[in-house]
Amino acid sequence: MKIVFNNEQIDETKALGDVNVTLKGYQITEFTPGSKGKDRLSEGENTIRFLIADFALENNSVELISKINVTELMAGEEAPLPFDFNFSTEEMEIPAGK
């Protein structure tokens, strides 16, 4: 893996309804897959680029929100997730007012 671009000093907050979303930074990483991953590439391509975002959520609503749903929306329905969700549900929930 090779870091193509990295910006860790954005620290910009936007309101999305009753939730404040703070983008702390992001990184673009380039990865050259082995033989098993080559079938995911289009003809003429030999690398995959990943966008990794560091963000925080502040839930000012009266309802519980889930980080899992936010992550899925950010990745897009057709984006393959390259990792296994190996955590408890409690770690991925933001209670109202937190």
PDB file of N, CA and C in Angstrom:
ATOM      1  N   MET A   1       0.838  -1.171   0.000  1.00  0.00           N
ATOM      2  CA  MET A   1       0.000   0.000   0.000  1.00  0.00           C
ATOM      3  C   MET A   1       0.886   1.239   0.000  1.00  0.00           C
ATOM      4  N   LYS A   2       0.383   2.269  -0.680  1.00  0.00           N
ATOM      5  CA  LYS A   2       1.118   3.522  -0.774  1.00  0.00           C
ATOM      6  C   LYS A   2       0.143   4.676  -0.554  1.00  0.00           C
ATOM      7  N   ILE A   3       0.485   5.598   0.325  1.00  0.00           N
ATOM      8  CA  ILE A   3      -0.359   6.770   0.553  1.00  0.00           C
ATOM      9  C   ILE A   3      -0.119   7.751  -0.587  1.00  0.00           C
ATOM     10  N   VAL A   4      -1.199   8.073  -1.330  1.00  0.00           N
ATOM     11  CA  VAL A   4      -1.117   8.991  -2.453  1.00  0.00           C
ATOM     12  C   VAL A   4      -1.318  10.429  -1.976  1.00  0.00           C
ATOM     13  N   PHE A   5      -2.275  10.616  -1.072  1.00  0.00           N
ATOM     14  CA  PHE A   5      -2.568  11.951  -0.540  1.00  0.00           C
ATOM     15  C   PHE A   5      -3.094  11.807   0.872  1.00  0.00           C
ATOM     16  N   ASN A   6      -2.732  12.755   1.717  1.00  0.00           N
ATOM     17  CA  ASN A   6      -3.138  12.692   3.115  1.00  0.00           C
ATOM     18  C   ASN A   6      -3.383  14.115   3.626  1.00  0.00           C
ATOM     19  N   ASN A   7      -4.541  14.358   4.230  1.00  0.00           N
ATOM     20  CA  ASN A   7      -4.836  15.650   4.847  1.00  0.00           C
ATOM     21  C   ASN A   7      -5.538  15.373   6.169  1.00  0.00           C
ATOM     22  N   GLU A   8      -4.844  15.575   7.267  1.00  0.00           N
ATOM     23  CA  GLU A   8      -5.391  15.287   8.595  1.00  0.00           C
ATOM     24  C   GLU A   8      -5.799  16.549   9.346  1.00  0.00           C
ATOM     25  N   GLN A   9      -5.826  17.693   8.670  1.00  0.00           N
ATOM     26  CA  GLN A   9      -6.073  18.951   9.367  1.00  0.00           C
ATOM     27  C   GLN A   9      -7.287  19.695   8.816  1.00  0.00           C
ATOM     28  N   ILE A  10      -8.328  19.002   8.423  1.00  0.00           N
ATOM     29  CA  ILE A  10      -9.512  19.660   7.875  1.00  0.00           C
ATOM     30  C   ILE A  10     -10.374  20.216   9.000  1.00  0.00           C
ATOM     31  N   ASP A  11     -10.786  19.370   9.914  1.00  0.00           N
ATOM     32  CA  ASP A  11     -11.574  19.753  11.092  1.00  0.00           C
ATOM     33  C   ASP A  11     -12.731  20.697  10.741  1.00  0.00           C
ATOM     34  N   GLU A  12     -13.551  20.290   9.769  1.00  0.00           N
ATOM     35  CA  GLU A  12     -14.695  21.090   9.315  1.00  0.00           C
ATOM     36  C   GLU A  12     -15.998  20.394   9.700  1.00  0.00           C
ATOM     37  N   THR A  13     -16.918  21.139  10.306  1.00  0.00           N
ATOM     38  CA  THR A  13     -18.181  20.579  10.784  1.00  0.00           C
ATOM     39  C   THR A  13     -19.350  21.129   9.983  1.00  0.00           C
ATOM     40  N   LYS A  14     -20.267  20.244   9.601  1.00  0.00           N
ATOM     41  CA  LYS A  14     -21.514  20.604   8.921  1.00  0.00           C
ATOM     42  C   LYS A  14     -22.660  19.914   9.642  1.00  0.00           C
ATOM     43  N   ALA A  15     -23.800  20.585   9.691  1.00  0.00           N
ATOM     44  CA  ALA A  15     -24.996  19.994  10.298  1.00  0.00           C
ATOM     45  C   ALA A  15     -25.750  19.211   9.238  1.00  0.00           C
ATOM     46  N   LEU A  16     -26.136  18.014   9.591  1.00  0.00           N
ATOM     47  CA  LEU A  16     -26.969  17.166   8.750  1.00  0.00           C
ATOM     48  C   LEU A  16     -28.203  16.855   9.586  1.00  0.00           C
ATOM     49  N   GLY A  17     -29.225  17.689   9.447  1.00  0.00           N
ATOM     50  CA  GLY A  17     -30.375  17.582  10.340  1.00  0.00           C
ATOM     51  C   GLY A  17     -29.926  17.939  11.744  1.00  0.00           C
ATOM     52  N   ASP A  18     -30.199  17.059  12.691  1.00  0.00           N
ATOM     53  CA  ASP A  18     -29.811  17.275  14.087  1.00  0.00           C
ATOM     54  C   ASP A  18     -28.463  16.651  14.431  1.00  0.00           C
ATOM     55  N   VAL A  19     -27.722  16.243  13.427  1.00  0.00           N
ATOM     56  CA  VAL A  19     -26.429  15.592  13.652  1.00  0.00           C
ATOM     57  C   VAL A  19     -25.317  16.471  13.084  1.00  0.00           C
ATOM     58  N   ASN A  20     -24.319  16.757  13.906  1.00  0.00           N
ATOM     59  CA  ASN A  20     -23.135  17.476  13.431  1.00  0.00           C
ATOM     60  C   ASN A  20     -22.118  16.454  12.956  1.00  0.00           C
ATOM     61  N   VAL A  21     -21.660  16.615  11.719  1.00  0.00           N
ATOM     62  CA  VAL A  21     -20.664  15.726  11.135  1.00  0.00           C
ATOM     63  C   VAL A  21     -19.376  16.525  10.991  1.00  0.00           C
ATOM     64  N   THR A  22     -18.318  16.051  11.630  1.00  0.00           N
ATOM     65  CA  THR A  22     -17.022  16.727  11.550  1.00  0.00           C
ATOM     66  C   THR A  22     -16.062  15.862  10.748  1.00  0.00           C
ATOM     67  N   LEU A  23     -15.592  16.401   9.629  1.00  0.00           N
ATOM     68  CA  LEU A  23     -14.564  15.731   8.841  1.00  0.00           C
ATOM     69  C   LEU A  23     -13.220  16.182   9.391  1.00  0.00           C
ATOM     70  N   LYS A  24     -12.535  15.249  10.039  1.00  0.00           N
ATOM     71  CA  LYS A  24     -11.243  15.569  10.649  1.00  0.00           C
ATOM     72  C   LYS A  24     -10.132  15.530   9.603  1.00  0.00           C
ATOM     73  N   GLY A  25     -10.225  14.578   8.693  1.00  0.00           N
ATOM     74  CA  GLY A  25      -9.213  14.437   7.659  1.00  0.00           C
ATOM     75  C   GLY A  25      -9.521  13.251   6.772  1.00  0.00           C
ATOM     76  N   TYR A  26      -8.671  13.051   5.780  1.00  0.00           N
ATOM     77  CA  TYR A  26      -8.844  11.896   4.903  1.00  0.00           C
ATOM     78  C   TYR A  26      -7.506  11.484   4.308  1.00  0.00           C
ATOM     79  N   GLN A  27      -7.512  10.301   3.727  1.00  0.00           N
ATOM     80  CA  GLN A  27      -6.312   9.744   3.123  1.00  0.00           C
ATOM     81  C   GLN A  27      -6.722   8.978   1.878  1.00  0.00           C
ATOM     82  N   ILE A  28      -5.949   9.108   0.827  1.00  0.00           N
ATOM     83  CA  ILE A  28      -6.155   8.300  -0.375  1.00  0.00           C
ATOM     84  C   ILE A  28      -4.970   7.351  -0.455  1.00  0.00           C
ATOM     85  N   THR A  29      -5.275   6.070  -0.510  1.00  0.00           N
ATOM     86  CA  THR A  29      -4.252   5.031  -0.513  1.00  0.00           C
ATOM     87  C   THR A  29      -4.362   4.216  -1.793  1.00  0.00           C
ATOM     88  N   GLU A  30      -3.228   3.873  -2.356  1.00  0.00           N
ATOM     89  CA  GLU A  30      -3.190   3.072  -3.576  1.00  0.00           C
ATOM     90  C   GLU A  30      -2.711   1.669  -3.217  1.00  0.00           C
ATOM     91  N   PHE A  31      -3.380   0.690  -3.773  1.00  0.00           N
ATOM     92  CA  PHE A  31      -3.111  -0.709  -3.439  1.00  0.00           C
ATOM     93  C   PHE A  31      -3.024  -1.513  -4.726  1.00  0.00           C
ATOM     94  N   THR A  32      -2.014  -2.336  -4.847  1.00  0.00           N
ATOM     95  CA  THR A  32      -1.887  -3.239  -5.989  1.00  0.00           C
ATOM     96  C   THR A  32      -2.252  -4.639  -5.510  1.00  0.00           C
ATOM     97  N   PRO A  33      -3.402  -5.160  -5.979  1.00  0.00           N
ATOM     98  CA  PRO A  33      -3.855  -6.469  -5.493  1.00  0.00           C
ATOM     99  C   PRO A  33      -3.023  -7.612  -6.064  1.00  0.00           C
ATOM    100  N   GLY A  34      -3.059  -8.715  -5.334  1.00  0.00           N
ATOM    101  CA  GLY A  34      -2.421  -9.928  -5.814  1.00  0.00           C
ATOM    102  C   GLY A  34      -3.276 -10.589  -6.883  1.00  0.00           C
ATOM    103  N   SER A  35      -2.943 -11.795  -7.235  1.00  0.00           N
ATOM    104  CA  SER A  35      -3.645 -12.494  -8.316  1.00  0.00           C
ATOM    105  C   SER A  35      -5.128 -12.693  -8.030  1.00  0.00           C
ATOM    106  N   LYS A  36      -5.509 -12.888  -6.762  1.00  0.00           N
ATOM    107  CA  LYS A  36      -6.921 -13.094  -6.435  1.00  0.00           C
ATOM    108  C   LYS A  36      -7.749 -11.820  -6.601  1.00  0.00           C
ATOM    109  N   GLY A  37      -7.143 -10.656  -6.458  1.00  0.00           N
ATOM    110  CA  GLY A  37      -7.881  -9.404  -6.551  1.00  0.00           C
ATOM    111  C   GLY A  37      -7.861  -8.763  -7.924  1.00  0.00           C
ATOM    112  N   LYS A  38      -7.059  -9.280  -8.839  1.00  0.00           N
ATOM    113  CA  LYS A  38      -6.933  -8.686 -10.172  1.00  0.00           C
ATOM    114  C   LYS A  38      -8.247  -8.691 -10.945  1.00  0.00           C
ATOM    115  N   ASP A  39      -9.145  -9.646 -10.675  1.00  0.00           N
ATOM    116  CA  ASP A  39     -10.404  -9.730 -11.414  1.00  0.00           C
ATOM    117  C   ASP A  39     -11.344  -8.567 -11.081  1.00  0.00           C
ATOM    118  N   ARG A  40     -11.073  -7.810 -10.037  1.00  0.00           N
ATOM    119  CA  ARG A  40     -11.905  -6.655  -9.665  1.00  0.00           C
ATOM    120  C   ARG A  40     -11.536  -5.408 -10.470  1.00  0.00           C
ATOM    121  N   LEU A  41     -10.426  -5.458 -11.182  1.00  0.00           N
ATOM    122  CA  LEU A  41      -9.940  -4.299 -11.920  1.00  0.00           C
ATOM    123  C   LEU A  41     -10.428  -4.316 -13.364  1.00  0.00           C
ATOM    124  N   SER A  42     -10.603  -3.136 -13.926  1.00  0.00           N
ATOM    125  CA  SER A  42     -10.952  -3.015 -15.340  1.00  0.00           C
ATOM    126  C   SER A  42      -9.702  -3.244 -16.171  1.00  0.00           C
ATOM    127  N   GLU A  43      -9.900  -3.541 -17.435  1.00  0.00           N
ATOM    128  CA  GLU A  43      -8.777  -3.780 -18.330  1.00  0.00           C
ATOM    129  C   GLU A  43      -7.864  -2.551 -18.363  1.00  0.00           C
ATOM    130  N   GLY A  44      -6.581  -2.768 -18.246  1.00  0.00           N
ATOM    131  CA  GLY A  44      -5.610  -1.683 -18.266  1.00  0.00           C
ATOM    132  C   GLY A  44      -5.302  -1.096 -16.897  1.00  0.00           C
ATOM    133  N   GLU A  45      -6.069  -1.449 -15.888  1.00  0.00           N
ATOM    134  CA  GLU A  45      -5.811  -0.955 -14.537  1.00  0.00           C
ATOM    135  C   GLU A  45      -4.980  -1.973 -13.774  1.00  0.00           C
ATOM    136  N   ASN A  46      -4.130  -1.491 -12.883  1.00  0.00           N
ATOM    137  CA  ASN A  46      -3.364  -2.426 -12.062  1.00  0.00           C
ATOM    138  C   ASN A  46      -3.360  -2.050 -10.581  1.00  0.00           C
ATOM    139  N   THR A  47      -4.093  -0.971 -10.225  1.00  0.00           N
ATOM    140  CA  THR A  47      -4.170  -0.575  -8.824  1.00  0.00           C
ATOM    141  C   THR A  47      -5.600  -0.214  -8.435  1.00  0.00           C
ATOM    142  N   ILE A  48      -5.856  -0.257  -7.138  1.00  0.00           N
ATOM    143  CA  ILE A  48      -7.139   0.157  -6.565  1.00  0.00           C
ATOM    144  C   ILE A  48      -6.829   1.317  -5.624  1.00  0.00           C
ATOM    145  N   ARG A  49      -7.683   2.338  -5.624  1.00  0.00           N
ATOM    146  CA  ARG A  49      -7.516   3.454  -4.692  1.00  0.00           C
ATOM    147  C   ARG A  49      -8.634   3.433  -3.667  1.00  0.00           C
ATOM    148  N   PHE A  50      -8.264   3.655  -2.417  1.00  0.00           N
ATOM    149  CA  PHE A  50      -9.217   3.697  -1.313  1.00  0.00           C
ATOM    150  C   PHE A  50      -9.237   5.109  -0.739  1.00  0.00           C
ATOM    151  N   LEU A  51     -10.433   5.594  -0.437  1.00  0.00           N
ATOM    152  CA  LEU A  51     -10.590   6.856   0.279  1.00  0.00           C
ATOM    153  C   LEU A  51     -10.958   6.504   1.713  1.00  0.00           C
ATOM    154  N   ILE A  52     -10.140   6.932   2.639  1.00  0.00           N
ATOM    155  CA  ILE A  52     -10.366   6.652   4.054  1.00  0.00           C
ATOM    156  C   ILE A  52     -10.645   7.986   4.739  1.00  0.00           C
ATOM    157  N   ALA A  53     -11.823   8.107   5.345  1.00  0.00           N
ATOM    158  CA  ALA A  53     -12.213   9.364   5.991  1.00  0.00           C
ATOM    159  C   ALA A  53     -12.219   9.203   7.506  1.00  0.00           C
ATOM    160  N   ASP A  54     -11.709  10.206   8.188  1.00  0.00           N
ATOM    161  CA  ASP A  54     -11.740  10.260   9.649  1.00  0.00           C
ATOM    162  C   ASP A  54     -12.785  11.305  10.017  1.00  0.00           C
ATOM    163  N   PHE A  55     -13.902  10.854  10.581  1.00  0.00           N
ATOM    164  CA  PHE A  55     -14.982  11.782  10.896  1.00  0.00           C
ATOM    165  C   PHE A  55     -15.585  11.471  12.255  1.00  0.00           C
ATOM    166  N   ALA A  56     -16.257  12.466  12.817  1.00  0.00           N
ATOM    167  CA  ALA A  56     -16.935  12.316  14.106  1.00  0.00           C
ATOM    168  C   ALA A  56     -18.383  12.755  13.945  1.00  0.00           C
ATOM    169  N   LEU A  57     -19.263  12.110  14.698  1.00  0.00           N
ATOM    170  CA  LEU A  57     -20.684  12.444  14.676  1.00  0.00           C
ATOM    171  C   LEU A  57     -21.116  12.902  16.058  1.00  0.00           C
ATOM    172  N   GLU A  58     -21.870  13.989  16.106  1.00  0.00           N
ATOM    173  CA  GLU A  58     -22.456  14.472  17.355  1.00  0.00           C
ATOM    174  C   GLU A  58     -23.967  14.430  17.183  1.00  0.00           C
ATOM    175  N   ASN A  59     -24.606  13.546  17.922  1.00  0.00           N
ATOM    176  CA  ASN A  59     -26.045  13.315  17.787  1.00  0.00           C
ATOM    177  C   ASN A  59     -26.817  14.268  18.698  1.00  0.00           C
ATOM    178  N   ASN A  60     -27.383  15.316  18.117  1.00  0.00           N
ATOM    179  CA  ASN A  60     -28.188  16.280  18.870  1.00  0.00           C
ATOM    180  C   ASN A  60     -29.680  15.992  18.742  1.00  0.00           C
ATOM    181  N   SER A  61     -30.019  14.863  18.163  1.00  0.00           N
ATOM    182  CA  SER A  61     -31.425  14.506  17.968  1.00  0.00           C
ATOM    183  C   SER A  61     -31.968  13.796  19.209  1.00  0.00           C
ATOM    184  N   VAL A  62     -33.229  13.424  19.148  1.00  0.00           N
ATOM    185  CA  VAL A  62     -33.857  12.701  20.258  1.00  0.00           C
ATOM    186  C   VAL A  62     -33.866  11.193  20.003  1.00  0.00           C
ATOM    187  N   GLU A  63     -33.254  10.768  18.894  1.00  0.00           N
ATOM    188  CA  GLU A  63     -33.238   9.349  18.534  1.00  0.00           C
ATOM    189  C   GLU A  63     -31.815   8.825  18.455  1.00  0.00           C
ATOM    190  N   LEU A  64     -31.690   7.521  18.666  1.00  0.00           N
ATOM    191  CA  LEU A  64     -30.432   6.814  18.522  1.00  0.00           C
ATOM    192  C   LEU A  64     -30.076   6.755  17.038  1.00  0.00           C
ATOM    193  N   ILE A  65     -28.809   6.963  16.699  1.00  0.00           N
ATOM    194  CA  ILE A  65     -28.372   6.741  15.324  1.00  0.00           C
ATOM    195  C   ILE A  65     -27.270   5.694  15.333  1.00  0.00           C
ATOM    196  N   SER A  66     -27.067   5.056  14.192  1.00  0.00           N
ATOM    197  CA  SER A  66     -26.088   3.985  14.082  1.00  0.00           C
ATOM    198  C   SER A  66     -24.970   4.395  13.136  1.00  0.00           C
ATOM    199  N   LYS A  67     -23.732   4.210  13.558  1.00  0.00           N
ATOM    200  CA  LYS A  67     -22.590   4.483  12.686  1.00  0.00           C
ATOM    201  C   LYS A  67     -22.558   3.520  11.507  1.00  0.00           C
ATOM    202  N   ILE A  68     -23.114   2.329  11.681  1.00  0.00           N
ATOM    203  CA  ILE A  68     -23.125   1.359  10.588  1.00  0.00           C
ATOM    204  C   ILE A  68     -23.911   1.916   9.412  1.00  0.00           C
ATOM    205  N   ASN A  69     -25.090   2.467   9.654  1.00  0.00           N
ATOM    206  CA  ASN A  69     -25.894   3.031   8.576  1.00  0.00           C
ATOM    207  C   ASN A  69     -25.180   4.191   7.900  1.00  0.00           C
ATOM    208  N   VAL A  70     -24.521   5.041   8.665  1.00  0.00           N
ATOM    209  CA  VAL A  70     -23.789   6.166   8.094  1.00  0.00           C
ATOM    210  C   VAL A  70     -22.659   5.651   7.214  1.00  0.00           C
ATOM    211  N   THR A  71     -21.920   4.659   7.682  1.00  0.00           N
ATOM    212  CA  THR A  71     -20.823   4.096   6.904  1.00  0.00           C
ATOM    213  C   THR A  71     -21.325   3.491   5.608  1.00  0.00           C
ATOM    214  N   GLU A  72     -22.437   2.772   5.654  1.00  0.00           N
ATOM    215  CA  GLU A  72     -22.995   2.176   4.444  1.00  0.00           C
ATOM    216  C   GLU A  72     -23.410   3.247   3.454  1.00  0.00           C
ATOM    217  N   LEU A  73     -24.019   4.323   3.931  1.00  0.00           N
ATOM    218  CA  LEU A  73     -24.429   5.404   3.042  1.00  0.00           C
ATOM    219  C   LEU A  73     -23.225   6.086   2.418  1.00  0.00           C
ATOM    220  N   MET A  74     -22.173   6.253   3.193  1.00  0.00           N
ATOM    221  CA  MET A  74     -20.984   6.919   2.680  1.00  0.00           C
ATOM    222  C   MET A  74     -20.267   6.045   1.655  1.00  0.00           C
ATOM    223  N   ALA A  75     -20.244   4.737   1.886  1.00  0.00           N
ATOM    224  CA  ALA A  75     -19.553   3.831   0.976  1.00  0.00           C
ATOM    225  C   ALA A  75     -20.353   3.608  -0.298  1.00  0.00           C
ATOM    226  N   GLY A  76     -21.666   3.733  -0.226  1.00  0.00           N
ATOM    227  CA  GLY A  76     -22.507   3.462  -1.385  1.00  0.00           C
ATOM    228  C   GLY A  76     -22.947   2.018  -1.375  1.00  0.00           C
ATOM    229  N   GLU A  77     -24.101   1.772  -1.932  1.00  0.00           N
ATOM    230  CA  GLU A  77     -24.673   0.426  -1.898  1.00  0.00           C
ATOM    231  C   GLU A  77     -23.822  -0.597  -2.632  1.00  0.00           C
ATOM    232  N   GLU A  78     -23.161  -0.190  -3.708  1.00  0.00           N
ATOM    233  CA  GLU A  78     -22.432  -1.154  -4.524  1.00  0.00           C
ATOM    234  C   GLU A  78     -20.957  -1.243  -4.169  1.00  0.00           C
ATOM    235  N   ALA A  79     -20.505  -0.412  -3.234  1.00  0.00           N
ATOM    236  CA  ALA A  79     -19.097  -0.437  -2.859  1.00  0.00           C
ATOM    237  C   ALA A  79     -18.816  -1.653  -1.985  1.00  0.00           C
ATOM    238  N   PRO A  80     -17.855  -2.493  -2.376  1.00  0.00           N
ATOM    239  CA  PRO A  80     -17.515  -3.639  -1.528  1.00  0.00           C
ATOM    240  C   PRO A  80     -16.762  -3.158  -0.297  1.00  0.00           C
ATOM    241  N   LEU A  81     -17.156  -3.623   0.852  1.00  0.00           N
ATOM    242  CA  LEU A  81     -16.460  -3.257   2.078  1.00  0.00           C
ATOM    243  C   LEU A  81     -15.297  -4.220   2.277  1.00  0.00           C
ATOM    244  N   PRO A  82     -14.066  -3.707   2.337  1.00  0.00           N
ATOM    245  CA  PRO A  82     -12.893  -4.575   2.398  1.00  0.00           C
ATOM    246  C   PRO A  82     -12.573  -5.084   3.792  1.00  0.00           C
ATOM    247  N   PHE A  83     -13.474  -4.893   4.741  1.00  0.00           N
ATOM    248  CA  PHE A  83     -13.189  -5.322   6.106  1.00  0.00           C
ATOM    249  C   PHE A  83     -14.417  -5.974   6.707  1.00  0.00           C
ATOM    250  N   ASP A  84     -14.181  -6.696   7.764  1.00  0.00           N
ATOM    251  CA  ASP A  84     -15.252  -7.388   8.472  1.00  0.00           C
ATOM    252  C   ASP A  84     -15.687  -6.527   9.648  1.00  0.00           C
ATOM    253  N   PHE A  85     -17.003  -6.341   9.814  1.00  0.00           N
ATOM    254  CA  PHE A  85     -17.508  -5.602  10.968  1.00  0.00           C
ATOM    255  C   PHE A  85     -17.403  -6.502  12.190  1.00  0.00           C
ATOM    256  N   ASN A  86     -16.312  -6.390  12.909  1.00  0.00           N
ATOM    257  CA  ASN A  86     -16.070  -7.237  14.070  1.00  0.00           C
ATOM    258  C   ASN A  86     -16.102  -6.377  15.334  1.00  0.00           C
ATOM    259  N   PHE A  87     -17.301  -5.980  15.739  1.00  0.00           N
ATOM    260  CA  PHE A  87     -17.463  -5.145  16.912  1.00  0.00           C
ATOM    261  C   PHE A  87     -18.861  -5.326  17.453  1.00  0.00           C
ATOM    262  N   SER A  88     -19.064  -4.842  18.659  1.00  0.00           N
ATOM    263  CA  SER A  88     -20.388  -4.962  19.258  1.00  0.00           C
ATOM    264  C   SER A  88     -21.295  -3.849  18.750  1.00  0.00           C
ATOM    265  N   THR A  89     -22.593  -4.072  18.802  1.00  0.00           N
ATOM    266  CA  THR A  89     -23.568  -3.078  18.375  1.00  0.00           C
ATOM    267  C   THR A  89     -23.451  -1.808  19.204  1.00  0.00           C
ATOM    268  N   GLU A  90     -23.165  -1.935  20.498  1.00  0.00           N
ATOM    269  CA  GLU A  90     -23.058  -0.771  21.373  1.00  0.00           C
ATOM    270  C   GLU A  90     -21.957   0.181  20.912  1.00  0.00           C
ATOM    271  N   GLU A  91     -20.858  -0.365  20.369  1.00  0.00           N
ATOM    272  CA  GLU A  91     -19.769   0.478  19.890  1.00  0.00           C
ATOM    273  C   GLU A  91     -20.174   1.308  18.685  1.00  0.00           C
ATOM    274  N   MET A  92     -21.196   0.890  17.983  1.00  0.00           N
ATOM    275  CA  MET A  92     -21.577   1.544  16.744  1.00  0.00           C
ATOM    276  C   MET A  92     -22.838   2.385  16.873  1.00  0.00           C
ATOM    277  N   GLU A  93     -23.290   2.652  18.077  1.00  0.00           N
ATOM    278  CA  GLU A  93     -24.488   3.464  18.277  1.00  0.00           C
ATOM    279  C   GLU A  93     -24.132   4.760  18.998  1.00  0.00           C
ATOM    280  N   ILE A  94     -24.792   5.824  18.600  1.00  0.00           N
ATOM    281  CA  ILE A  94     -24.615   7.113  19.264  1.00  0.00           C
ATOM    282  C   ILE A  94     -25.949   7.487  19.883  1.00  0.00           C
ATOM    283  N   PRO A  95     -26.053   7.455  21.219  1.00  0.00           N
ATOM    284  CA  PRO A  95     -27.317   7.791  21.874  1.00  0.00           C
ATOM    285  C   PRO A  95     -27.716   9.240  21.610  1.00  0.00           C
ATOM    286  N   ALA A  96     -28.992   9.523  21.758  1.00  0.00           N
ATOM    287  CA  ALA A  96     -29.492  10.888  21.607  1.00  0.00           C
ATOM    288  C   ALA A  96     -28.769  11.813  22.573  1.00  0.00           C
ATOM    289  N   GLY A  97     -28.407  12.998  22.098  1.00  0.00           N
ATOM    290  CA  GLY A  97     -27.743  13.983  22.939  1.00  0.00           C
ATOM    291  C   GLY A  97     -26.272  13.744  23.168  1.00  0.00           C
ATOM    292  N   LYS A  98     -25.655  12.811  22.452  1.00  0.00           N
ATOM    293  CA  LYS A  98     -24.219  12.501  22.630  1.00  0.00           C
ATOM    294  C   LYS A  98     -23.427  12.874  21.396  1.00  0.00           C
TER     295      LYS A  98
END
